[in-house]
Amino acid sequence: MTAASGEQALAGERKLRMPSCLLKLTRVVLSHKPFALFIIIVVFVSFAYHKLYWGIGEDPKSSVPTSSLSAERSCAHYVPSPLDMAGGPSPSTGNVFFVETSEQTAPSYLFSCSVESAARTHPASRVVVLMKGLAKENGSLPKHWAFSLLSCLPNVEILPLDLTELFSGTPLAQWFLQPQRQKEPHFLHVLSDACRIVLMWKFGGIYLDTDFIVLKNLQNLTNALGIQCYDELNGAFLSFEAKHKFIEICMQDFVQNYKGWAWGHQGPGLVTRVFKKWCSIRTIKSMSCKGVSALAQEVVYPIPWQNWKKLFGAVSAMELQKLLKNTYAVHIWNKLSHGTKLEIPSQALLAQLYSQFCPATYTKMKQDSEELSRRAV
């Protein structure tokens, strides 16, 4: 007898036994009505709690859905239509990383859009969001619309960021343990610079800042980073294999040439310095050298930081298509743009990016905008 036929026989045997069980239960209820009813209620509640608790932790890919209506209803508000996974599965299953190094646990619209757009364009990848503000001993996420929304995306994981553990075994371990570091003016930004290169060294995959909107799958851009302006790279996007020599040199340079008080020295300045040494060049241009690529500006930084206001200007659908023809992701330059009001809905470039590439976040933005308008009346 095969395992399958054995399971079928056991299932059939259970079905045959069921009526006698129900008969015995009925007799007990009739003879001891109050006590039996109490026992039945307790058993039912315990069973329901057990299913709910363990059902939350199940991997949706590893089990056949049985009763997911409640989850679907709770997610329907955030995901207005079936997930459009941007033209099919990704060619690789490498991780996509986001990092929040502050104690912030109330993600913005842009943060949510960054993660959502990455999840939609990388359906076969784990999209891992590491947040320092999430206490490691606390097993639940804070109550916030963004966590509810992102939890509806099956490949998104939101986890605590343990910095000591992350930096262990790397040249940055001792650097991080020095208490004076936290008093530096740009420490949170420098800490983010440190996290991304260590993540690439230890795990490989893709790193993105939380102010990107992802338009296409990035997995074919391997061992690469982008040119942000003339003669300067930026590490807001990184894609590397684990234990890559280029990233090892970046970690060494981070410590040996440390100037955390100088804005950008540990970020764009670092990857630019290392790439020039790596390739023995004086000026950076779109090129590939010793297996590492410096991508053209239009690939991930199509809007230069000097022109960030262009994100809030109206563009036609044709202009948008032309602008983004060769673009994989758009950096929004949140440090510069975060205080600018964005009309929703509108023909602004940024509004159209939200609408197309993170529709669930965009729906939430519209709802909030409409609610504010009603309150203002």
Protein backbone atom coordinates (compact mmCIF):
# COMPACT_ATOMS: atom_id res chain seq x y z
CA MET A 1 0.00 0.00 0.00
CA THR A 2 1.39 3.43 -0.98
CA ALA A 3 1.52 6.43 1.37
CA ALA A 4 -1.22 8.13 -0.62
CA SER A 5 -3.56 5.12 -0.51
CA GLY A 6 -2.80 4.66 3.19
CA GLU A 7 -3.79 8.26 3.89
CA GLN A 8 -6.98 7.76 1.89
CA ALA A 9 -7.83 4.64 3.87
CA LEU A 10 -7.26 6.45 7.18
CA ALA A 11 -9.38 9.34 6.01
CA GLY A 12 -12.17 6.94 5.04
CA GLU A 13 -11.90 5.16 8.38
CA ARG A 14 -12.21 8.49 10.22
CA LYS A 15 -15.31 9.34 8.19
CA LEU A 16 -16.89 6.00 9.16
CA ARG A 17 -16.14 6.57 12.82
CA MET A 18 -17.55 10.09 12.88
CA PRO A 19 -21.25 9.24 13.28
CA SER A 20 -20.61 7.08 16.40
CA CYS A 21 -18.57 9.92 17.92
CA LEU A 22 -21.36 12.37 17.27
CA LEU A 23 -23.86 9.92 18.76
CA LYS A 24 -21.87 9.60 21.99
CA LEU A 25 -21.47 13.37 22.19
CA THR A 26 -25.20 13.84 21.76
CA ARG A 27 -25.94 11.42 24.62
CA VAL A 28 -23.54 13.28 26.91
CA VAL A 29 -25.06 16.63 26.06
CA LEU A 30 -28.57 15.35 26.76
CA SER A 31 -27.63 13.87 30.12
CA HIS A 32 -25.35 16.68 31.35
CA LYS A 33 -26.48 19.69 29.35
CA PRO A 34 -24.89 22.66 31.22
CA PHE A 35 -21.53 21.01 31.93
CA ALA A 36 -21.19 19.45 28.46
CA LEU A 37 -22.11 22.68 26.74
CA PHE A 38 -19.41 24.50 28.72
CA ILE A 39 -16.81 21.87 27.71
CA ILE A 40 -17.80 22.09 24.03
CA ILE A 41 -17.46 25.89 24.06
CA VAL A 42 -14.02 25.73 25.69
CA VAL A 43 -12.80 23.12 23.19
CA PHE A 44 -14.14 25.09 20.23
CA VAL A 45 -12.53 28.35 21.37
CA SER A 46 -9.18 26.60 22.01
CA PHE A 47 -9.30 24.97 18.57
CA ALA A 48 -10.13 28.25 16.85
CA TYR A 49 -7.30 30.07 18.67
CA HIS A 50 -4.82 27.32 17.77
CA LYS A 51 -5.71 27.48 14.09
CA LEU A 52 -5.55 31.27 14.02
CA TYR A 53 -2.22 31.46 15.85
CA TRP A 54 -0.42 28.84 13.82
CA GLY A 55 -2.07 29.85 10.56
CA ILE A 56 -0.46 33.30 10.80
CA GLY A 57 3.03 31.83 10.91
CA GLU A 58 2.60 29.39 8.05
CA ASP A 59 4.50 29.92 4.85
CA PRO A 60 1.80 30.41 2.21
CA LYS A 61 3.96 28.60 -0.33
CA SER A 62 4.45 25.54 1.85
CA SER A 63 0.83 24.75 2.63
CA VAL A 64 -2.45 24.56 0.77
CA PRO A 65 -4.79 27.42 1.80
CA THR A 66 -7.81 26.14 3.69
CA SER A 67 -9.76 29.10 5.01
CA SER A 68 -8.11 32.39 4.05
CA LEU A 69 -11.19 34.55 3.63
CA SER A 70 -10.43 36.65 6.71
CA ALA A 71 -6.89 37.39 5.44
CA GLU A 72 -8.19 38.23 1.99
CA ARG A 73 -10.78 40.60 3.41
CA SER A 74 -8.23 42.34 5.61
CA CYS A 75 -5.89 42.76 2.64
CA ALA A 76 -8.49 43.73 0.06
CA HIS A 77 -8.49 47.30 1.38
CA TYR A 78 -4.79 47.66 0.60
CA VAL A 79 -4.42 45.54 -2.51
CA PRO A 80 -7.18 46.74 -4.86
CA SER A 81 -6.57 44.06 -7.49
CA PRO A 82 -4.63 40.80 -7.87
CA LEU A 83 -0.91 41.47 -7.70
CA ASP A 84 0.53 42.44 -11.05
CA MET A 85 3.92 40.82 -10.85
CA ALA A 86 5.45 42.89 -13.64
CA GLY A 87 5.58 40.40 -16.43
CA GLY A 88 6.33 37.11 -14.76
CA PRO A 89 8.75 35.63 -12.24
CA SER A 90 12.18 37.11 -11.62
CA PRO A 91 15.18 35.26 -13.02
CA SER A 92 16.74 34.86 -9.58
CA THR A 93 15.62 34.46 -5.99
CA GLY A 94 18.24 36.68 -4.34
CA ASN A 95 17.12 38.85 -1.44
CA VAL A 96 16.14 42.50 -1.80
CA PHE A 97 17.09 44.48 1.32
CA PHE A 98 15.77 47.69 2.84
CA VAL A 99 17.16 49.14 6.09
CA GLU A 100 15.80 51.65 8.62
CA THR A 101 18.56 52.61 11.06
CA SER A 102 16.52 55.07 13.15
CA GLU A 103 13.96 54.11 15.79
CA GLN A 104 11.19 55.06 13.35
CA THR A 105 8.29 52.57 13.23
CA ALA A 106 5.74 54.69 11.36
CA PRO A 107 6.68 54.26 7.68
CA SER A 108 5.87 57.04 5.24
CA TYR A 109 4.01 56.71 1.94
CA LEU A 110 7.36 56.70 0.12
CA PHE A 111 8.78 53.98 2.38
CA SER A 112 5.71 51.85 1.72
CA CYS A 113 5.88 52.49 -2.01
CA SER A 114 9.56 51.54 -2.12
CA VAL A 115 8.93 48.17 -0.53
CA GLU A 116 5.69 47.51 -2.43
CA SER A 117 7.22 48.32 -5.82
CA ALA A 118 10.21 46.08 -5.08
CA ALA A 119 7.93 43.24 -3.99
CA ARG A 120 5.81 43.49 -7.14
CA THR A 121 8.79 43.55 -9.49
CA HIS A 122 10.60 40.72 -7.64
CA PRO A 123 7.85 38.17 -6.89
CA ALA A 124 10.27 35.24 -6.58
CA SER A 125 12.58 37.07 -4.16
CA ARG A 126 12.43 37.70 -0.43
CA VAL A 127 12.02 41.42 0.16
CA VAL A 128 13.54 41.91 3.61
CA VAL A 129 12.87 45.11 5.56
CA LEU A 130 15.21 45.48 8.57
CA MET A 131 14.15 48.07 11.15
CA LYS A 132 16.14 49.06 14.23
CA GLY A 133 12.99 50.32 15.97
CA LEU A 134 11.43 46.86 16.13
CA ALA A 135 12.26 45.31 19.50
CA LYS A 136 13.75 41.87 18.97
CA GLU A 137 11.79 40.30 21.82
CA ASN A 138 8.46 41.61 20.53
CA GLY A 139 6.87 39.13 18.13
CA SER A 140 4.31 41.50 16.61
CA LEU A 141 4.49 44.56 14.40
CA PRO A 142 3.23 47.96 15.57
CA LYS A 143 -0.29 48.89 14.50
CA HIS A 144 0.25 51.05 11.45
CA TRP A 145 -1.39 51.05 8.04
CA ALA A 146 1.95 50.52 6.23
CA PHE A 147 2.74 47.32 8.15
CA SER A 148 -0.78 46.02 7.42
CA LEU A 149 -0.39 46.85 3.74
CA LEU A 150 3.09 45.37 3.33
CA SER A 151 2.16 42.23 5.27
CA CYS A 152 -0.38 41.52 2.54
CA LEU A 153 2.45 41.11 0.02
CA PRO A 154 3.49 37.45 0.25
CA ASN A 155 7.23 37.95 -0.33
CA VAL A 156 7.77 40.81 2.16
CA GLU A 157 9.40 40.13 5.53
CA ILE A 158 9.70 42.89 8.17
CA LEU A 159 12.34 42.03 10.77
CA PRO A 160 14.26 43.65 13.65
CA LEU A 161 17.69 45.04 12.81
CA ASP A 162 20.32 43.73 15.24
CA LEU A 163 23.33 45.90 14.45
CA THR A 164 25.81 44.13 16.72
CA GLU A 165 24.96 40.81 15.10
CA LEU A 166 25.03 42.27 11.59
CA PHE A 167 28.51 43.79 11.98
CA SER A 168 30.01 40.82 13.80
CA GLY A 169 32.85 39.14 11.94
CA THR A 170 33.52 42.19 9.73
CA PRO A 171 35.97 45.12 9.87
CA LEU A 172 33.06 47.32 11.01
CA ALA A 173 32.44 45.44 14.27
CA GLN A 174 34.93 47.46 16.33
CA TRP A 175 33.97 50.71 14.60
CA PHE A 176 30.34 50.27 15.65
CA LEU A 177 31.18 49.54 19.29
CA GLN A 178 32.91 52.90 19.77
CA PRO A 179 30.42 55.01 21.80
CA GLN A 180 31.51 58.38 20.38
CA ARG A 181 30.19 57.40 16.96
CA GLN A 182 26.58 58.01 17.98
CA LYS A 183 27.37 61.66 18.75
CA GLU A 184 28.43 62.39 15.17
CA PRO A 185 26.11 64.73 13.20
CA HIS A 186 25.40 62.31 10.36
CA PHE A 187 25.52 59.08 12.35
CA LEU A 188 22.18 57.60 11.16
CA HIS A 189 23.17 58.12 7.53
CA VAL A 190 26.66 56.72 8.12
CA LEU A 191 25.12 53.76 9.93
CA SER A 192 22.93 53.11 6.90
CA ASP A 193 26.04 53.28 4.67
CA ALA A 194 27.68 50.69 6.91
CA CYS A 195 24.67 48.35 6.94
CA ARG A 196 24.32 48.17 3.17
CA ILE A 197 27.90 47.14 2.43
CA VAL A 198 27.87 44.53 5.22
CA LEU A 199 24.56 43.10 3.95
CA MET A 200 26.05 42.80 0.47
CA TRP A 201 29.20 41.16 1.89
CA LYS A 202 27.42 38.65 4.08
CA PHE A 203 24.34 37.79 2.02
CA GLY A 204 24.59 39.31 -1.42
CA GLY A 205 21.52 40.33 -3.39
CA ILE A 206 20.11 43.83 -3.86
CA TYR A 207 20.13 46.78 -1.50
CA LEU A 208 17.83 49.79 -1.99
CA ASP A 209 17.30 52.98 -0.03
CA THR A 210 13.72 53.48 1.15
CA ASP A 211 13.21 56.39 -1.24
CA PHE A 212 13.35 54.38 -4.46
CA ILE A 213 10.41 53.43 -6.65
CA VAL A 214 11.24 50.23 -8.53
CA LEU A 215 9.96 49.92 -12.10
CA LYS A 216 11.58 46.71 -13.35
CA ASN A 217 13.22 43.59 -12.02
CA LEU A 218 16.79 44.39 -10.96
CA GLN A 219 18.16 40.87 -10.65
CA ASN A 220 20.03 40.92 -13.97
CA LEU A 221 22.07 43.93 -12.79
CA THR A 222 24.67 41.86 -10.93
CA ASN A 223 27.79 43.30 -9.29
CA ALA A 224 26.66 46.79 -10.14
CA LEU A 225 26.02 50.27 -8.77
CA GLY A 226 24.82 53.46 -10.39
CA ILE A 227 26.29 56.79 -11.49
CA GLN A 228 24.34 59.59 -9.79
CA CYS A 229 26.01 62.54 -11.51
CA TYR A 230 29.25 63.41 -13.29
CA ASP A 231 32.17 61.45 -11.86
CA GLU A 232 30.26 60.20 -8.80
CA LEU A 233 28.64 56.92 -7.88
CA ASN A 234 25.96 56.34 -5.24
CA GLY A 235 25.36 53.31 -3.01
CA ALA A 236 21.61 53.88 -2.67
CA PHE A 237 21.33 50.93 -5.07
CA LEU A 238 23.75 48.03 -4.80
CA SER A 239 23.60 44.59 -6.41
CA PHE A 240 26.40 42.16 -5.56
CA GLU A 241 27.21 38.55 -5.04
CA ALA A 242 28.03 37.60 -1.46
CA LYS A 243 31.69 37.90 -0.40
CA HIS A 244 32.61 39.95 -3.45
CA LYS A 245 36.12 41.42 -3.34
CA PHE A 246 34.87 44.91 -4.29
CA ILE A 247 32.59 44.97 -1.24
CA GLU A 248 35.41 43.67 0.97
CA ILE A 249 37.54 46.65 -0.11
CA CYS A 250 34.59 48.95 0.61
CA MET A 251 34.43 47.65 4.19
CA GLN A 252 38.16 48.15 4.64
CA ASP A 253 38.01 51.68 3.23
CA PHE A 254 35.03 52.49 5.46
CA VAL A 255 37.21 51.97 8.55
CA GLN A 256 40.65 53.01 7.29
CA ASN A 257 39.53 56.31 5.70
CA TYR A 258 36.72 57.08 8.13
CA LYS A 259 35.42 60.67 8.19
CA GLY A 260 31.89 60.33 9.53
CA TRP A 261 31.56 64.06 10.14
CA ALA A 262 31.98 64.80 6.39
CA TRP A 263 28.65 64.47 4.57
CA GLY A 264 28.72 61.72 1.95
CA HIS A 265 32.29 60.60 2.67
CA GLN A 266 31.18 57.14 3.86
CA GLY A 267 28.48 56.83 1.18
CA PRO A 268 28.82 58.14 -2.39
CA GLY A 269 32.39 59.22 -1.65
CA LEU A 270 33.37 55.75 -0.50
CA VAL A 271 32.01 53.76 -3.46
CA THR A 272 33.43 56.37 -5.85
CA ARG A 273 36.92 56.14 -4.27
CA VAL A 274 36.91 52.37 -4.29
CA PHE A 275 35.66 52.07 -7.88
CA LYS A 276 38.36 54.44 -9.16
CA LYS A 277 41.04 52.39 -7.42
CA TRP A 278 39.41 49.14 -8.57
CA CYS A 279 39.56 50.25 -12.21
CA SER A 280 42.68 52.48 -11.97
CA ILE A 281 40.81 55.43 -13.48
CA ARG A 282 40.51 59.14 -12.71
CA THR A 283 37.02 59.83 -14.07
CA ILE A 284 33.99 57.60 -13.77
CA LYS A 285 31.80 56.84 -16.76
CA SER A 286 29.34 54.08 -17.66
CA MET A 287 31.57 51.05 -17.85
CA SER A 288 32.36 47.56 -16.61
CA CYS A 289 35.69 46.86 -14.98
CA LYS A 290 37.00 43.62 -13.42
CA GLY A 291 33.46 42.28 -13.19
CA VAL A 292 31.89 45.38 -11.57
CA SER A 293 29.61 47.72 -13.54
CA ALA A 294 29.05 51.45 -13.15
CA LEU A 295 25.55 51.86 -14.59
CA ALA A 296 24.54 54.86 -16.69
CA GLN A 297 22.71 57.57 -14.77
CA GLU A 298 19.37 56.84 -16.45
CA VAL A 299 19.29 53.28 -15.06
CA VAL A 300 18.59 54.12 -11.40
CA TYR A 301 19.12 57.89 -11.05
CA PRO A 302 17.23 59.31 -14.06
CA ILE A 303 16.33 62.45 -12.12
CA PRO A 304 19.57 64.07 -10.85
CA TRP A 305 19.45 65.31 -7.27
CA GLN A 306 19.90 68.86 -8.57
CA ASN A 307 16.62 68.49 -10.52
CA TRP A 308 14.55 66.80 -7.79
CA LYS A 309 11.70 69.33 -8.22
CA LYS A 310 11.03 67.76 -11.61
CA LEU A 311 9.39 64.89 -9.68
CA PHE A 312 6.55 67.22 -8.73
CA GLY A 313 6.00 68.68 -12.21
CA ALA A 314 3.24 67.48 -14.51
CA VAL A 315 4.19 65.16 -17.37
CA SER A 316 2.15 63.43 -20.04
CA ALA A 317 1.97 59.65 -20.29
CA MET A 318 4.12 59.79 -23.43
CA GLU A 319 6.73 61.94 -21.70
CA LEU A 320 6.75 59.55 -18.75
CA GLN A 321 7.24 56.55 -21.03
CA LYS A 322 10.09 58.26 -22.86
CA LEU A 323 11.74 59.38 -19.64
CA LEU A 324 11.68 55.91 -18.12
CA LYS A 325 12.43 53.86 -21.24
CA ASN A 326 15.81 52.67 -20.00
CA THR A 327 15.15 53.10 -16.28
CA TYR A 328 14.91 50.30 -13.71
CA ALA A 329 14.24 52.40 -10.62
CA VAL A 330 13.79 56.07 -9.71
CA HIS A 331 15.52 57.65 -6.73
CA ILE A 332 13.22 60.25 -5.12
CA TRP A 333 15.90 62.12 -3.11
CA ASN A 334 13.81 62.15 0.04
CA LYS A 335 16.32 64.28 1.98
CA LEU A 336 15.53 67.11 -0.44
CA SER A 337 11.94 66.37 -1.45
CA HIS A 338 10.25 65.18 1.77
CA GLY A 339 8.68 68.54 2.66
CA THR A 340 7.11 69.14 -0.75
CA LYS A 341 3.36 68.70 -1.09
CA LEU A 342 2.24 66.15 -3.66
CA GLU A 343 -1.30 66.44 -5.04
CA ILE A 344 -3.11 63.09 -5.25
CA PRO A 345 -4.41 62.44 -7.84
CA SER A 346 -2.48 64.58 -10.32
CA GLN A 347 -0.31 64.40 -13.42
CA ALA A 348 2.83 65.02 -11.39
CA LEU A 349 5.63 62.62 -12.31
CA LEU A 350 5.86 61.29 -8.76
CA ALA A 351 2.09 60.81 -8.49
CA GLN A 352 2.10 58.79 -11.70
CA LEU A 353 4.95 56.63 -10.41
CA TYR A 354 2.98 55.92 -7.23
CA SER A 355 -0.13 55.08 -9.25
CA GLN A 356 1.61 52.64 -11.59
CA PHE A 357 4.21 50.94 -9.43
CA CYS A 358 2.76 50.88 -5.91
CA PRO A 359 -1.03 50.90 -6.45
CA ALA A 360 -1.90 49.74 -2.94
CA THR A 361 0.05 52.59 -1.35
CA TYR A 362 -1.44 54.98 -3.89
CA THR A 363 -4.95 53.86 -2.94
CA LYS A 364 -4.17 54.59 0.71
CA MET A 365 -2.83 58.03 -0.24
CA LYS A 366 -6.04 58.84 -2.16
CA GLN A 367 -8.21 57.71 0.73
CA ASP A 368 -6.28 59.86 3.18
CA SER A 369 -6.40 62.83 0.81
CA GLU A 370 -10.17 62.48 0.41
CA GLU A 371 -10.61 62.20 4.18
CA LEU A 372 -8.64 65.41 4.72
CA SER A 373 -10.76 67.17 2.12
CA ARG A 374 -13.98 66.08 3.84
CA ARG A 375 -12.72 67.33 7.20
CA ALA A 376 -11.77 70.68 5.69
CA VAL A 377 -15.33 71.30 4.45
